[in-house]
Amino acid sequence: MLGGENGETDEEDEKWVTHYSSNHQILLVGEGDFSFSLSLANGFASASNICATSLDSYVVLKRKYKNAVSNLENLEKLGATLLHGVDATKMKHHTDLANRKFDRIIFNFPHAGFCGKEDSPHVIQ
């Protein structure tokens, strides 16, 4: 597909951040403060290809993470789709996700649900 007046293609505008391309449709599952989503979006200079979800509600995110509101605002400005209260075990039934296809699905080290420090060998086990 031709993009600009000089005949450059959309592929020339593609940006890569390690394993992820700005041309990939990317779903992020179980985000905490949305800093990973924002780092990808900043690397692409856009978040139009990013759908980032959290299990927590927006209200809980604001209370839990000091940078969540700022990260979410920046993601929104960059065009991300942001969904809260999304249970990864029931995503196929979510109205905003049921019929979408993604090139990459990222679930970064999900919280184990145990009490204690997350880097403790017992919690990791």
C-alpha atoms as a PDB file:
ATOM      1  CA  MET A   1       0.000   0.000   0.000  1.00  0.00           C
ATOM      2  CA  LEU A   2       1.414   3.387  -0.919  1.00  0.00           C
ATOM      3  CA  GLY A   3       1.661   5.812   1.954  1.00  0.00           C
ATOM      4  CA  GLY A   4       3.261   9.164   1.131  1.00  0.00           C
ATOM      5  CA  GLU A   5       3.746  11.452  -1.806  1.00  0.00           C
ATOM      6  CA  ASN A   6       7.128   9.902  -2.596  1.00  0.00           C
ATOM      7  CA  GLY A   7       5.653   6.415  -2.848  1.00  0.00           C
ATOM      8  CA  GLU A   8       7.022   5.062   0.432  1.00  0.00           C
ATOM      9  CA  THR A   9       5.179   2.075   1.859  1.00  0.00           C
ATOM     10  CA  ASP A  10       3.623   1.631   5.286  1.00  0.00           C
ATOM     11  CA  GLU A  11       6.288  -0.979   6.026  1.00  0.00           C
ATOM     12  CA  GLU A  12       8.940   1.748   5.955  1.00  0.00           C
ATOM     13  CA  ASP A  13       7.231   3.313   8.973  1.00  0.00           C
ATOM     14  CA  GLU A  14       7.294   0.042  10.923  1.00  0.00           C
ATOM     15  CA  LYS A  15       9.109   0.267  14.261  1.00  0.00           C
ATOM     16  CA  TRP A  16      10.388  -2.667  16.308  1.00  0.00           C
ATOM     17  CA  VAL A  17      10.813  -2.918  20.070  1.00  0.00           C
ATOM     18  CA  THR A  18      12.552  -6.284  20.646  1.00  0.00           C
ATOM     19  CA  HIS A  19       9.935  -8.917  19.622  1.00  0.00           C
ATOM     20  CA  TYR A  20       7.141  -6.447  18.924  1.00  0.00           C
ATOM     21  CA  SER A  21       6.357  -4.459  15.807  1.00  0.00           C
ATOM     22  CA  SER A  22       4.228  -1.356  15.423  1.00  0.00           C
ATOM     23  CA  ASN A  23       2.394  -3.364  12.744  1.00  0.00           C
ATOM     24  CA  HIS A  24       1.414  -6.106  15.233  1.00  0.00           C
ATOM     25  CA  GLN A  25      -1.928  -5.999  16.978  1.00  0.00           C
ATOM     26  CA  ILE A  26      -0.798  -6.418  20.591  1.00  0.00           C
ATOM     27  CA  LEU A  27      -2.875  -7.485  23.589  1.00  0.00           C
ATOM     28  CA  LEU A  28      -1.405  -6.929  27.045  1.00  0.00           C
ATOM     29  CA  VAL A  29      -3.082  -8.954  29.779  1.00  0.00           C
ATOM     30  CA  GLY A  30      -2.940  -8.325  33.507  1.00  0.00           C
ATOM     31  CA  GLU A  31      -1.144  -4.991  33.430  1.00  0.00           C
ATOM     32  CA  GLY A  32      -0.248  -3.483  36.798  1.00  0.00           C
ATOM     33  CA  ASP A  33       0.543   0.222  36.495  1.00  0.00           C
ATOM     34  CA  PHE A  34       0.564   0.036  32.655  1.00  0.00           C
ATOM     35  CA  SER A  35       4.243   1.044  32.482  1.00  0.00           C
ATOM     36  CA  PHE A  36       5.120  -1.820  30.127  1.00  0.00           C
ATOM     37  CA  SER A  37       2.317  -0.847  27.742  1.00  0.00           C
ATOM     38  CA  LEU A  38       3.485   2.750  27.835  1.00  0.00           C
ATOM     39  CA  SER A  39       7.102   1.780  27.137  1.00  0.00           C
ATOM     40  CA  LEU A  40       5.977  -0.109  24.012  1.00  0.00           C
ATOM     41  CA  ALA A  41       3.791   2.785  22.920  1.00  0.00           C
ATOM     42  CA  ASN A  42       6.665   5.243  23.396  1.00  0.00           C
ATOM     43  CA  GLY A  43       8.939   2.965  21.386  1.00  0.00           C
ATOM     44  CA  PHE A  44       6.396   2.927  18.549  1.00  0.00           C
ATOM     45  CA  ALA A  45       5.488   6.629  19.007  1.00  0.00           C
ATOM     46  CA  SER A  46       1.888   5.384  18.936  1.00  0.00           C
ATOM     47  CA  ALA A  47      -0.389   2.992  20.785  1.00  0.00           C
ATOM     48  CA  SER A  48      -3.035   2.526  18.099  1.00  0.00           C
ATOM     49  CA  ASN A  49      -2.035  -1.147  17.843  1.00  0.00           C
ATOM     50  CA  ILE A  50      -2.134  -1.758  21.612  1.00  0.00           C
ATOM     51  CA  CYS A  51      -4.987  -3.100  23.713  1.00  0.00           C
ATOM     52  CA  ALA A  52      -3.935  -3.128  27.372  1.00  0.00           C
ATOM     53  CA  THR A  53      -6.017  -4.759  30.088  1.00  0.00           C
ATOM     54  CA  SER A  54      -5.990  -5.052  33.849  1.00  0.00           C
ATOM     55  CA  LEU A  55      -7.824  -7.272  36.274  1.00  0.00           C
ATOM     56  CA  ASP A  56      -8.151  -4.297  38.616  1.00  0.00           C
ATOM     57  CA  SER A  57     -10.785  -1.620  38.128  1.00  0.00           C
ATOM     58  CA  TYR A  58      -9.686   1.933  37.352  1.00  0.00           C
ATOM     59  CA  VAL A  59     -10.491   2.977  40.935  1.00  0.00           C
ATOM     60  CA  VAL A  60      -8.316   0.194  42.370  1.00  0.00           C
ATOM     61  CA  LEU A  61      -5.465   1.000  39.965  1.00  0.00           C
ATOM     62  CA  LYS A  62      -5.439   4.624  41.115  1.00  0.00           C
ATOM     63  CA  ARG A  63      -5.189   3.513  44.724  1.00  0.00           C
ATOM     64  CA  LYS A  64      -2.603   0.739  44.149  1.00  0.00           C
ATOM     65  CA  TYR A  65      -0.113   2.349  41.773  1.00  0.00           C
ATOM     66  CA  LYS A  66       1.154   5.927  42.023  1.00  0.00           C
ATOM     67  CA  ASN A  67       1.978   6.156  38.290  1.00  0.00           C
ATOM     68  CA  ALA A  68      -1.090   4.380  36.916  1.00  0.00           C
ATOM     69  CA  VAL A  69      -3.168   7.493  36.179  1.00  0.00           C
ATOM     70  CA  SER A  70      -0.310   9.216  34.373  1.00  0.00           C
ATOM     71  CA  ASN A  71       0.538   6.066  32.407  1.00  0.00           C
ATOM     72  CA  LEU A  72      -3.113   5.561  31.407  1.00  0.00           C
ATOM     73  CA  GLU A  73      -3.495   9.198  30.341  1.00  0.00           C
ATOM     74  CA  ASN A  74      -0.379   8.964  28.170  1.00  0.00           C
ATOM     75  CA  LEU A  75      -1.527   5.679  26.634  1.00  0.00           C
ATOM     76  CA  GLU A  76      -4.909   7.201  25.861  1.00  0.00           C
ATOM     77  CA  LYS A  77      -3.251  10.197  24.156  1.00  0.00           C
ATOM     78  CA  LEU A  78      -1.227   7.765  22.027  1.00  0.00           C
ATOM     79  CA  GLY A  79      -4.393   5.901  20.954  1.00  0.00           C
ATOM     80  CA  ALA A  80      -4.367   2.727  23.084  1.00  0.00           C
ATOM     81  CA  THR A  81      -7.466   0.726  23.886  1.00  0.00           C
ATOM     82  CA  LEU A  82      -7.608   0.406  27.686  1.00  0.00           C
ATOM     83  CA  LEU A  83      -9.831  -2.104  29.461  1.00  0.00           C
ATOM     84  CA  HIS A  84     -10.210  -2.643  33.211  1.00  0.00           C
ATOM     85  CA  GLY A  85     -11.776  -5.481  35.176  1.00  0.00           C
ATOM     86  CA  VAL A  86     -10.719  -8.037  32.552  1.00  0.00           C
ATOM     87  CA  ASP A  87     -10.273 -11.574  33.878  1.00  0.00           C
ATOM     88  CA  ALA A  88      -7.772 -13.407  31.657  1.00  0.00           C
ATOM     89  CA  THR A  89      -9.594 -16.697  32.250  1.00  0.00           C
ATOM     90  CA  LYS A  90     -12.823 -15.268  30.783  1.00  0.00           C
ATOM     91  CA  MET A  91     -11.496 -13.044  28.006  1.00  0.00           C
ATOM     92  CA  LYS A  92     -13.137 -14.946  25.177  1.00  0.00           C
ATOM     93  CA  HIS A  93     -16.490 -13.733  26.524  1.00  0.00           C
ATOM     94  CA  HIS A  94     -15.472 -10.059  26.862  1.00  0.00           C
ATOM     95  CA  THR A  95     -17.462  -7.934  24.399  1.00  0.00           C
ATOM     96  CA  ASP A  96     -14.450  -5.803  23.399  1.00  0.00           C
ATOM     97  CA  LEU A  97     -12.136  -8.791  22.895  1.00  0.00           C
ATOM     98  CA  ALA A  98     -14.271 -11.722  21.706  1.00  0.00           C
ATOM     99  CA  ASN A  99     -13.978 -11.011  17.979  1.00  0.00           C
ATOM    100  CA  ARG A 100     -10.530  -9.417  17.833  1.00  0.00           C
ATOM    101  CA  LYS A 101      -7.400 -11.130  16.602  1.00  0.00           C
ATOM    102  CA  PHE A 102      -3.959 -10.313  17.933  1.00  0.00           C
ATOM    103  CA  ASP A 103      -0.475 -10.969  16.584  1.00  0.00           C
ATOM    104  CA  ARG A 104       1.066 -10.893  20.063  1.00  0.00           C
ATOM    105  CA  ILE A 105      -0.423 -11.528  23.503  1.00  0.00           C
ATOM    106  CA  ILE A 106       1.757 -10.472  26.410  1.00  0.00           C
ATOM    107  CA  PHE A 107       1.145 -11.646  29.981  1.00  0.00           C
ATOM    108  CA  ASN A 108       4.159 -10.422  31.959  1.00  0.00           C
ATOM    109  CA  PHE A 109       4.943 -12.566  35.004  1.00  0.00           C
ATOM    110  CA  PRO A 110       1.438 -12.691  36.438  1.00  0.00           C
ATOM    111  CA  HIS A 111       1.029 -12.142  40.156  1.00  0.00           C
ATOM    112  CA  ALA A 112       0.920 -15.486  41.928  1.00  0.00           C
ATOM    113  CA  GLY A 113      -1.775 -14.340  44.337  1.00  0.00           C
ATOM    114  CA  PHE A 114       0.243 -15.221  47.434  1.00  0.00           C
ATOM    115  CA  CYS A 115       1.117 -12.922  50.288  1.00  0.00           C
ATOM    116  CA  GLY A 116       4.728 -11.911  50.702  1.00  0.00           C
ATOM    117  CA  LYS A 117       7.446 -10.469  48.518  1.00  0.00           C
ATOM    118  CA  GLU A 118       7.049 -11.319  44.846  1.00  0.00           C
ATOM    119  CA  ASP A 119      10.772 -12.113  44.510  1.00  0.00           C
ATOM    120  CA  SER A 120      10.679 -14.631  47.359  1.00  0.00           C
ATOM    121  CA  PRO A 121      11.498 -18.183  46.170  1.00  0.00           C
ATOM    122  CA  HIS A 122       8.467 -19.483  48.098  1.00  0.00           C
ATOM    123  CA  VAL A 123       6.102 -17.113  46.268  1.00  0.00           C
ATOM    124  CA  ILE A 124       7.679 -17.868  42.883  1.00  0.00           C
ATOM    125  CA  GLN A 125       7.297 -21.615  43.522  1.00  0.00           C
END
